[in-house]
Amino acid sequence: MNEQSPLFRPADKPEKPVTARPPDRPVASRWRRRLAILAVIAIAVLVCYLARGPLQRAAASLLISEDPGESADFVLPLGKAREFAESAEVRRSGRAADVLLIPTKPKYAQRLGILPTDEELLVRELKRAGIADRTAPAILSPVGNDWARFRLLGAWMAQHPGARVEIVCGRFQSARCRHILRAVLPKEAAARVLILALARPEYDETNWWNRKEGVLDVCNSAVSYAYVLFCGEDEEKPEWDPDQYEKTLR
């Protein structure tokens, strides 16, 4: 049979399907979509602006953890002079029987006598409260940070079973303190630690955004709390010593 015969005709190659090009979206349709997105964003911004008060109060409340109105055997001040003054007031009012102090390691200015140490601050506030002659604060070894402080507190509480301790700290630092306490102390010991979250007279969680000091306090506390939540304990670094630095330059 001849190769030209239809019986020997090679099969035709399949043709590639032709995909239809989608029609261009009309310009008006694209602009309607963009305007709808902008409208949603504008509405969200407007809602956040109108609800800024409740949102700001809710944000600050995440930094607060306290046990108000409960008495303890010991009161432990943290932080600045206000916390020491409040601890002396707690002791004077009878809400705590004694004062416990775990001081921080003295800074360079404190070693020079320029700034008072934690022990000196506590004695000064006890004298102002009129109870310096009636109480002898228990002072433990100085520490470098709150992690070491609460570990030392846990060891002290193990030697004093049943003792309840009330910590006095800044209001927006209280949730951070609670987190470190639960991470360091056994569950039974952590349950015996109360927190008094001390508010400043100038601002609190209801109006902190109206003052520059309040904004700085909340922002710094939020960053510190977030670091503890996501990074845990930081490595304790030695304090910068200007005398040692001067020796390295010689």
C-alpha atoms as a PDB file:
ATOM      1  CA  MET A   1       0.000   0.000   0.000  1.00  0.00           C
ATOM      2  CA  ASN A   2       1.208   3.443  -0.787  1.00  0.00           C
ATOM      3  CA  GLU A   3       2.419   5.624   2.079  1.00  0.00           C
ATOM      4  CA  GLN A   4       0.247   8.361   0.652  1.00  0.00           C
ATOM      5  CA  SER A   5      -2.761   6.262   1.407  1.00  0.00           C
ATOM      6  CA  PRO A   6      -5.019   7.558   4.111  1.00  0.00           C
ATOM      7  CA  LEU A   7      -4.284   4.399   6.087  1.00  0.00           C
ATOM      8  CA  PHE A   8      -0.653   5.456   6.494  1.00  0.00           C
ATOM      9  CA  ARG A   9      -1.288   9.153   7.105  1.00  0.00           C
ATOM     10  CA  PRO A  10       0.524  10.265  10.290  1.00  0.00           C
ATOM     11  CA  ALA A  11      -1.634  11.353  13.160  1.00  0.00           C
ATOM     12  CA  ASP A  12      -2.161  15.057  13.450  1.00  0.00           C
ATOM     13  CA  LYS A  13      -0.374  16.779  16.375  1.00  0.00           C
ATOM     14  CA  PRO A  14      -2.735  18.046  19.022  1.00  0.00           C
ATOM     15  CA  GLU A  15      -3.106  21.721  18.954  1.00  0.00           C
ATOM     16  CA  LYS A  16      -2.311  23.756  22.101  1.00  0.00           C
ATOM     17  CA  PRO A  17      -5.397  25.077  23.775  1.00  0.00           C
ATOM     18  CA  VAL A  18      -5.794  28.765  23.417  1.00  0.00           C
ATOM     19  CA  THR A  19      -6.510  30.407  26.735  1.00  0.00           C
ATOM     20  CA  ALA A  20      -8.744  33.339  26.540  1.00  0.00           C
ATOM     21  CA  ARG A  21      -7.259  36.494  28.023  1.00  0.00           C
ATOM     22  CA  PRO A  22      -9.388  37.758  30.869  1.00  0.00           C
ATOM     23  CA  PRO A  23     -10.996  40.988  30.044  1.00  0.00           C
ATOM     24  CA  ASP A  24      -9.458  44.034  31.618  1.00  0.00           C
ATOM     25  CA  ARG A  25     -11.235  45.174  34.754  1.00  0.00           C
ATOM     26  CA  PRO A  26     -12.886  48.493  34.147  1.00  0.00           C
ATOM     27  CA  VAL A  27     -11.159  51.481  35.665  1.00  0.00           C
ATOM     28  CA  ALA A  28     -14.287  52.362  37.629  1.00  0.00           C
ATOM     29  CA  SER A  29     -14.342  48.902  39.246  1.00  0.00           C
ATOM     30  CA  ARG A  30     -10.719  49.214  40.371  1.00  0.00           C
ATOM     31  CA  TRP A  31     -11.337  52.622  41.894  1.00  0.00           C
ATOM     32  CA  ARG A  32     -14.456  51.360  43.713  1.00  0.00           C
ATOM     33  CA  ARG A  33     -12.369  48.622  45.296  1.00  0.00           C
ATOM     34  CA  ARG A  34      -9.659  51.045  46.369  1.00  0.00           C
ATOM     35  CA  LEU A  35     -12.186  53.452  47.805  1.00  0.00           C
ATOM     36  CA  ALA A  36     -13.848  50.629  49.735  1.00  0.00           C
ATOM     37  CA  ILE A  37     -10.487  49.664  51.305  1.00  0.00           C
ATOM     38  CA  LEU A  38      -9.789  53.280  52.231  1.00  0.00           C
ATOM     39  CA  ALA A  39     -13.264  53.586  53.733  1.00  0.00           C
ATOM     40  CA  VAL A  40     -12.710  50.486  55.916  1.00  0.00           C
ATOM     41  CA  ILE A  41      -9.357  51.855  57.107  1.00  0.00           C
ATOM     42  CA  ALA A  42     -10.870  55.263  57.829  1.00  0.00           C
ATOM     43  CA  ILE A  43     -13.732  53.710  59.808  1.00  0.00           C
ATOM     44  CA  ALA A  44     -11.281  51.576  61.817  1.00  0.00           C
ATOM     45  CA  VAL A  45      -9.163  54.629  62.625  1.00  0.00           C
ATOM     46  CA  LEU A  46     -12.269  56.599  63.614  1.00  0.00           C
ATOM     47  CA  VAL A  47     -13.497  53.808  65.888  1.00  0.00           C
ATOM     48  CA  CYS A  48     -10.066  53.558  67.554  1.00  0.00           C
ATOM     49  CA  TYR A  49      -9.997  57.327  68.049  1.00  0.00           C
ATOM     50  CA  LEU A  50     -13.487  57.453  69.546  1.00  0.00           C
ATOM     51  CA  ALA A  51     -12.732  54.456  71.793  1.00  0.00           C
ATOM     52  CA  ARG A  52      -9.227  55.587  72.683  1.00  0.00           C
ATOM     53  CA  GLY A  53     -10.095  56.022  76.345  1.00  0.00           C
ATOM     54  CA  PRO A  54     -11.264  52.423  76.971  1.00  0.00           C
ATOM     55  CA  LEU A  55      -8.460  51.071  74.773  1.00  0.00           C
ATOM     56  CA  GLN A  56      -5.795  53.011  76.672  1.00  0.00           C
ATOM     57  CA  ARG A  57      -7.249  51.929  80.002  1.00  0.00           C
ATOM     58  CA  ALA A  58      -7.329  48.307  78.859  1.00  0.00           C
ATOM     59  CA  ALA A  59      -3.732  48.482  77.641  1.00  0.00           C
ATOM     60  CA  ALA A  60      -2.537  49.837  80.992  1.00  0.00           C
ATOM     61  CA  SER A  61      -4.570  47.276  82.954  1.00  0.00           C
ATOM     62  CA  LEU A  62      -2.522  44.496  81.339  1.00  0.00           C
ATOM     63  CA  LEU A  63       0.484  45.800  83.283  1.00  0.00           C
ATOM     64  CA  ILE A  64      -1.264  45.685  86.676  1.00  0.00           C
ATOM     65  CA  SER A  65      -1.551  42.745  89.059  1.00  0.00           C
ATOM     66  CA  GLU A  66      -2.361  43.378  92.715  1.00  0.00           C
ATOM     67  CA  ASP A  67      -3.917  41.938  95.878  1.00  0.00           C
ATOM     68  CA  PRO A  68      -5.547  44.951  97.534  1.00  0.00           C
ATOM     69  CA  GLY A  69      -6.690  45.107 101.126  1.00  0.00           C
ATOM     70  CA  GLU A  70      -4.890  42.025 102.493  1.00  0.00           C
ATOM     71  CA  SER A  71      -2.574  41.946 105.493  1.00  0.00           C
ATOM     72  CA  ALA A  72       0.789  40.204 105.653  1.00  0.00           C
ATOM     73  CA  ASP A  73       3.541  39.367 108.093  1.00  0.00           C
ATOM     74  CA  PHE A  74       6.251  41.281 106.225  1.00  0.00           C
ATOM     75  CA  VAL A  75       6.246  44.151 103.766  1.00  0.00           C
ATOM     76  CA  LEU A  76       8.951  44.241 101.086  1.00  0.00           C
ATOM     77  CA  PRO A  77       9.546  47.532  99.213  1.00  0.00           C
ATOM     78  CA  LEU A  78      10.847  47.580  95.654  1.00  0.00           C
ATOM     79  CA  GLY A  79      11.956  50.495  93.541  1.00  0.00           C
ATOM     80  CA  LYS A  80      12.057  54.117  94.579  1.00  0.00           C
ATOM     81  CA  ALA A  81      11.495  56.294  97.649  1.00  0.00           C
ATOM     82  CA  ARG A  82       7.699  56.217  97.195  1.00  0.00           C
ATOM     83  CA  GLU A  83       7.656  52.453  97.650  1.00  0.00           C
ATOM     84  CA  PHE A  84       9.780  52.767 100.797  1.00  0.00           C
ATOM     85  CA  ALA A  85       7.450  55.452 102.188  1.00  0.00           C
ATOM     86  CA  GLU A  86       4.390  53.301 101.470  1.00  0.00           C
ATOM     87  CA  SER A  87       6.050  50.286 103.104  1.00  0.00           C
ATOM     88  CA  ALA A  88       6.669  52.351 106.236  1.00  0.00           C
ATOM     89  CA  GLU A  89       3.007  53.396 106.193  1.00  0.00           C
ATOM     90  CA  VAL A  90       1.905  49.755 105.847  1.00  0.00           C
ATOM     91  CA  ARG A  91       4.064  48.876 108.837  1.00  0.00           C
ATOM     92  CA  ARG A  92       2.749  51.839 110.862  1.00  0.00           C
ATOM     93  CA  SER A  93      -0.889  50.965 110.129  1.00  0.00           C
ATOM     94  CA  GLY A  94      -0.397  47.401 111.356  1.00  0.00           C
ATOM     95  CA  ARG A  95      -1.094  45.693 108.036  1.00  0.00           C
ATOM     96  CA  ALA A  96       2.381  44.142 108.306  1.00  0.00           C
ATOM     97  CA  ALA A  97       4.240  43.152 111.448  1.00  0.00           C
ATOM     98  CA  ASP A  98       7.773  43.715 110.160  1.00  0.00           C
ATOM     99  CA  VAL A  99       9.709  45.138 107.237  1.00  0.00           C
ATOM    100  CA  LEU A 100      11.799  42.964 104.933  1.00  0.00           C
ATOM    101  CA  LEU A 101      14.410  44.494 102.648  1.00  0.00           C
ATOM    102  CA  ILE A 102      16.344  42.870  99.808  1.00  0.00           C
ATOM    103  CA  PRO A 103      18.432  45.801  98.562  1.00  0.00           C
ATOM    104  CA  THR A 104      20.011  46.168  95.176  1.00  0.00           C
ATOM    105  CA  LYS A 105      23.768  46.315  94.878  1.00  0.00           C
ATOM    106  CA  PRO A 106      24.918  49.901  95.529  1.00  0.00           C
ATOM    107  CA  LYS A 107      25.569  51.946  92.425  1.00  0.00           C
ATOM    108  CA  TYR A 108      28.704  53.973  91.987  1.00  0.00           C
ATOM    109  CA  ALA A 109      26.985  57.185  93.127  1.00  0.00           C
ATOM    110  CA  GLN A 110      25.678  55.385  96.199  1.00  0.00           C
ATOM    111  CA  ARG A 111      29.111  54.068  97.085  1.00  0.00           C
ATOM    112  CA  LEU A 112      30.402  57.637  96.909  1.00  0.00           C
ATOM    113  CA  GLY A 113      27.625  58.816  99.211  1.00  0.00           C
ATOM    114  CA  ILE A 114      26.014  61.034  96.586  1.00  0.00           C
ATOM    115  CA  LEU A 115      22.768  59.048  96.580  1.00  0.00           C
ATOM    116  CA  PRO A 116      21.272  57.171  99.545  1.00  0.00           C
ATOM    117  CA  THR A 117      21.322  53.383  99.557  1.00  0.00           C
ATOM    118  CA  ASP A 118      18.188  51.266  99.950  1.00  0.00           C
ATOM    119  CA  GLU A 119      18.955  50.741 103.635  1.00  0.00           C
ATOM    120  CA  GLU A 120      19.299  54.481 104.186  1.00  0.00           C
ATOM    121  CA  LEU A 121      16.052  55.160 102.327  1.00  0.00           C
ATOM    122  CA  LEU A 122      14.182  52.629 104.426  1.00  0.00           C
ATOM    123  CA  VAL A 123      15.557  53.964 107.728  1.00  0.00           C
ATOM    124  CA  ARG A 124      14.673  57.515 106.665  1.00  0.00           C
ATOM    125  CA  GLU A 125      11.078  56.596 105.818  1.00  0.00           C
ATOM    126  CA  LEU A 126      10.655  54.584 109.009  1.00  0.00           C
ATOM    127  CA  LYS A 127      11.781  57.626 110.989  1.00  0.00           C
ATOM    128  CA  ARG A 128       9.309  59.829 109.127  1.00  0.00           C
ATOM    129  CA  ALA A 129       6.548  57.360 109.961  1.00  0.00           C
ATOM    130  CA  GLY A 130       7.563  57.475 113.627  1.00  0.00           C
ATOM    131  CA  ILE A 131       8.246  53.755 113.971  1.00  0.00           C
ATOM    132  CA  ALA A 132      12.029  53.602 113.643  1.00  0.00           C
ATOM    133  CA  ASP A 133      12.389  52.746 117.355  1.00  0.00           C
ATOM    134  CA  ARG A 134       9.710  50.050 117.266  1.00  0.00           C
ATOM    135  CA  THR A 135      10.804  47.962 114.297  1.00  0.00           C
ATOM    136  CA  ALA A 136      13.999  46.276 113.158  1.00  0.00           C
ATOM    137  CA  PRO A 137      13.869  45.582 109.410  1.00  0.00           C
ATOM    138  CA  ALA A 138      15.241  42.272 108.218  1.00  0.00           C
ATOM    139  CA  ILE A 139      17.864  43.087 105.609  1.00  0.00           C
ATOM    140  CA  LEU A 140      19.094  40.336 103.301  1.00  0.00           C
ATOM    141  CA  SER A 141      22.089  40.295 100.966  1.00  0.00           C
ATOM    142  CA  PRO A 142      22.114  42.837  98.119  1.00  0.00           C
ATOM    143  CA  VAL A 143      21.261  41.537  94.652  1.00  0.00           C
ATOM    144  CA  GLY A 144      21.722  42.658  91.069  1.00  0.00           C
ATOM    145  CA  ASN A 145      18.215  42.316  89.598  1.00  0.00           C
ATOM    146  CA  ASP A 146      14.663  41.225  90.378  1.00  0.00           C
ATOM    147  CA  TRP A 147      15.293  37.614  89.364  1.00  0.00           C
ATOM    148  CA  ALA A 148      18.028  37.284  91.979  1.00  0.00           C
ATOM    149  CA  ARG A 149      15.913  39.241  94.469  1.00  0.00           C
ATOM    150  CA  PHE A 150      12.955  36.872  94.201  1.00  0.00           C
ATOM    151  CA  ARG A 151      15.180  33.789  94.319  1.00  0.00           C
ATOM    152  CA  LEU A 152      16.597  35.090  97.575  1.00  0.00           C
ATOM    153  CA  LEU A 153      13.050  35.785  98.751  1.00  0.00           C
ATOM    154  CA  GLY A 154      12.109  32.186  97.965  1.00  0.00           C
ATOM    155  CA  ALA A 155      15.047  30.881 100.004  1.00  0.00           C
ATOM    156  CA  TRP A 156      14.045  33.166 102.888  1.00  0.00           C
ATOM    157  CA  MET A 157      10.407  32.011 102.725  1.00  0.00           C
ATOM    158  CA  ALA A 158      11.547  28.384 102.830  1.00  0.00           C
ATOM    159  CA  GLN A 159      13.139  29.198 106.194  1.00  0.00           C
ATOM    160  CA  HIS A 160       9.953  30.974 107.323  1.00  0.00           C
ATOM    161  CA  PRO A 161       7.100  28.605 106.431  1.00  0.00           C
ATOM    162  CA  GLY A 162       3.687  30.201 106.600  1.00  0.00           C
ATOM    163  CA  ALA A 163       5.001  33.773 106.441  1.00  0.00           C
ATOM    164  CA  ARG A 164       3.091  36.080 104.110  1.00  0.00           C
ATOM    165  CA  VAL A 165       4.970  38.866 102.336  1.00  0.00           C
ATOM    166  CA  GLU A 166       3.446  41.943 100.707  1.00  0.00           C
ATOM    167  CA  ILE A 167       5.547  43.462  97.937  1.00  0.00           C
ATOM    168  CA  VAL A 168       5.184  47.202  97.309  1.00  0.00           C
ATOM    169  CA  CYS A 169       6.081  48.143  93.726  1.00  0.00           C
ATOM    170  CA  GLY A 170       5.107  50.570  90.997  1.00  0.00           C
ATOM    171  CA  ARG A 171       1.620  50.079  89.610  1.00  0.00           C
ATOM    172  CA  PHE A 172       2.672  49.411  86.039  1.00  0.00           C
ATOM    173  CA  GLN A 173       5.533  47.131  87.120  1.00  0.00           C
ATOM    174  CA  SER A 174       3.304  44.824  89.185  1.00  0.00           C
ATOM    175  CA  ALA A 175       2.398  42.352  86.412  1.00  0.00           C
ATOM    176  CA  ARG A 176       6.077  41.941  85.556  1.00  0.00           C
ATOM    177  CA  CYS A 177       6.883  41.252  89.222  1.00  0.00           C
ATOM    178  CA  ARG A 178       4.074  38.693  89.395  1.00  0.00           C
ATOM    179  CA  HIS A 179       5.397  36.904  86.333  1.00  0.00           C
ATOM    180  CA  ILE A 180       8.932  36.678  87.736  1.00  0.00           C
ATOM    181  CA  LEU A 181       7.606  35.498  91.098  1.00  0.00           C
ATOM    182  CA  ARG A 182       5.663  32.656  89.499  1.00  0.00           C
ATOM    183  CA  ALA A 183       8.654  31.715  87.375  1.00  0.00           C
ATOM    184  CA  VAL A 184      11.108  31.638  90.295  1.00  0.00           C
ATOM    185  CA  LEU A 185       9.167  30.635  93.405  1.00  0.00           C
ATOM    186  CA  PRO A 186       7.450  27.315  94.093  1.00  0.00           C
ATOM    187  CA  LYS A 187       3.682  27.454  93.740  1.00  0.00           C
ATOM    188  CA  GLU A 188       3.099  27.249  97.499  1.00  0.00           C
ATOM    189  CA  ALA A 189       5.525  30.098  98.208  1.00  0.00           C
ATOM    190  CA  ALA A 190       4.179  32.268  95.379  1.00  0.00           C
ATOM    191  CA  ALA A 191       0.690  31.945  96.875  1.00  0.00           C
ATOM    192  CA  ARG A 192       1.993  33.571 100.090  1.00  0.00           C
ATOM    193  CA  VAL A 193       3.278  36.651  98.252  1.00  0.00           C
ATOM    194  CA  LEU A 194       0.905  39.592  97.866  1.00  0.00           C
ATOM    195  CA  ILE A 195       1.452  42.602  95.627  1.00  0.00           C
ATOM    196  CA  LEU A 196       0.506  46.186  96.407  1.00  0.00           C
ATOM    197  CA  ALA A 197       0.582  48.048  93.074  1.00  0.00           C
ATOM    198  CA  LEU A 198       1.274  51.610  94.136  1.00  0.00           C
ATOM    199  CA  ALA A 199      -0.214  54.303  91.902  1.00  0.00           C
ATOM    200  CA  ARG A 200       1.308  57.739  91.497  1.00  0.00           C
ATOM    201  CA  PRO A 201      -0.775  60.723  92.594  1.00  0.00           C
ATOM    202  CA  GLU A 202      -0.321  62.412  89.202  1.00  0.00           C
ATOM    203  CA  TYR A 203      -1.717  59.587  87.046  1.00  0.00           C
ATOM    204  CA  ASP A 204      -2.927  55.988  86.987  1.00  0.00           C
ATOM    205  CA  GLU A 205      -4.405  53.582  84.430  1.00  0.00           C
ATOM    206  CA  THR A 206      -7.401  55.880  83.890  1.00  0.00           C
ATOM    207  CA  ASN A 207      -5.499  58.962  82.690  1.00  0.00           C
ATOM    208  CA  TRP A 208      -1.833  58.056  82.108  1.00  0.00           C
ATOM    209  CA  TRP A 209      -1.916  59.335  78.508  1.00  0.00           C
ATOM    210  CA  ASN A 210      -2.566  62.901  79.683  1.00  0.00           C
ATOM    211  CA  ARG A 211       0.890  63.324  81.210  1.00  0.00           C
ATOM    212  CA  LYS A 212       4.326  62.864  79.725  1.00  0.00           C
ATOM    213  CA  GLU A 213       5.518  60.993  82.832  1.00  0.00           C
ATOM    214  CA  GLY A 214       2.604  58.582  82.535  1.00  0.00           C
ATOM    215  CA  VAL A 215       3.302  57.846  78.878  1.00  0.00           C
ATOM    216  CA  LEU A 216       6.964  57.176  79.640  1.00  0.00           C
ATOM    217  CA  ASP A 217       6.065  55.001  82.615  1.00  0.00           C
ATOM    218  CA  VAL A 218       3.576  52.858  80.683  1.00  0.00           C
ATOM    219  CA  CYS A 219       5.794  52.518  77.612  1.00  0.00           C
ATOM    220  CA  ASN A 220       8.896  51.588  79.619  1.00  0.00           C
ATOM    221  CA  SER A 221       6.919  49.141  81.748  1.00  0.00           C
ATOM    222  CA  ALA A 222       5.340  47.553  78.672  1.00  0.00           C
ATOM    223  CA  VAL A 223       8.719  47.043  77.001  1.00  0.00           C
ATOM    224  CA  SER A 224      10.199  45.581  80.199  1.00  0.00           C
ATOM    225  CA  TYR A 225       7.228  43.256  80.703  1.00  0.00           C
ATOM    226  CA  ALA A 226       7.291  42.110  77.067  1.00  0.00           C
ATOM    227  CA  TYR A 227      11.004  41.359  77.340  1.00  0.00           C
ATOM    228  CA  VAL A 228      10.420  39.210  80.417  1.00  0.00           C
ATOM    229  CA  LEU A 229       7.537  37.372  78.721  1.00  0.00           C
ATOM    230  CA  PHE A 230       9.340  36.569  75.479  1.00  0.00           C
ATOM    231  CA  CYS A 231      13.029  36.510  76.457  1.00  0.00           C
ATOM    232  CA  GLY A 232      12.998  35.481  80.093  1.00  0.00           C
ATOM    233  CA  GLU A 233      15.882  36.305  82.399  1.00  0.00           C
ATOM    234  CA  ASP A 234      18.612  38.554  81.118  1.00  0.00           C
ATOM    235  CA  GLU A 235      22.249  37.877  81.842  1.00  0.00           C
ATOM    236  CA  GLU A 236      23.410  40.006  84.732  1.00  0.00           C
ATOM    237  CA  LYS A 237      26.207  42.291  83.616  1.00  0.00           C
ATOM    238  CA  PRO A 238      28.765  43.931  85.895  1.00  0.00           C
ATOM    239  CA  GLU A 239      28.234  47.598  86.620  1.00  0.00           C
ATOM    240  CA  TRP A 240      30.395  50.056  84.730  1.00  0.00           C
ATOM    241  CA  ASP A 241      33.159  51.248  87.016  1.00  0.00           C
ATOM    242  CA  PRO A 242      34.757  54.562  85.953  1.00  0.00           C
ATOM    243  CA  ASP A 243      37.853  53.890  88.077  1.00  0.00           C
ATOM    244  CA  GLN A 244      38.438  50.564  86.359  1.00  0.00           C
ATOM    245  CA  TYR A 245      37.816  52.182  82.981  1.00  0.00           C
ATOM    246  CA  GLU A 246      40.376  54.895  83.759  1.00  0.00           C
ATOM    247  CA  LYS A 247      42.968  52.236  84.600  1.00  0.00           C
ATOM    248  CA  THR A 248      42.502  50.634  81.180  1.00  0.00           C
ATOM    249  CA  LEU A 249      43.377  53.951  79.505  1.00  0.00           C
ATOM    250  CA  ARG A 250      46.761  54.197  81.174  1.00  0.00           C
END
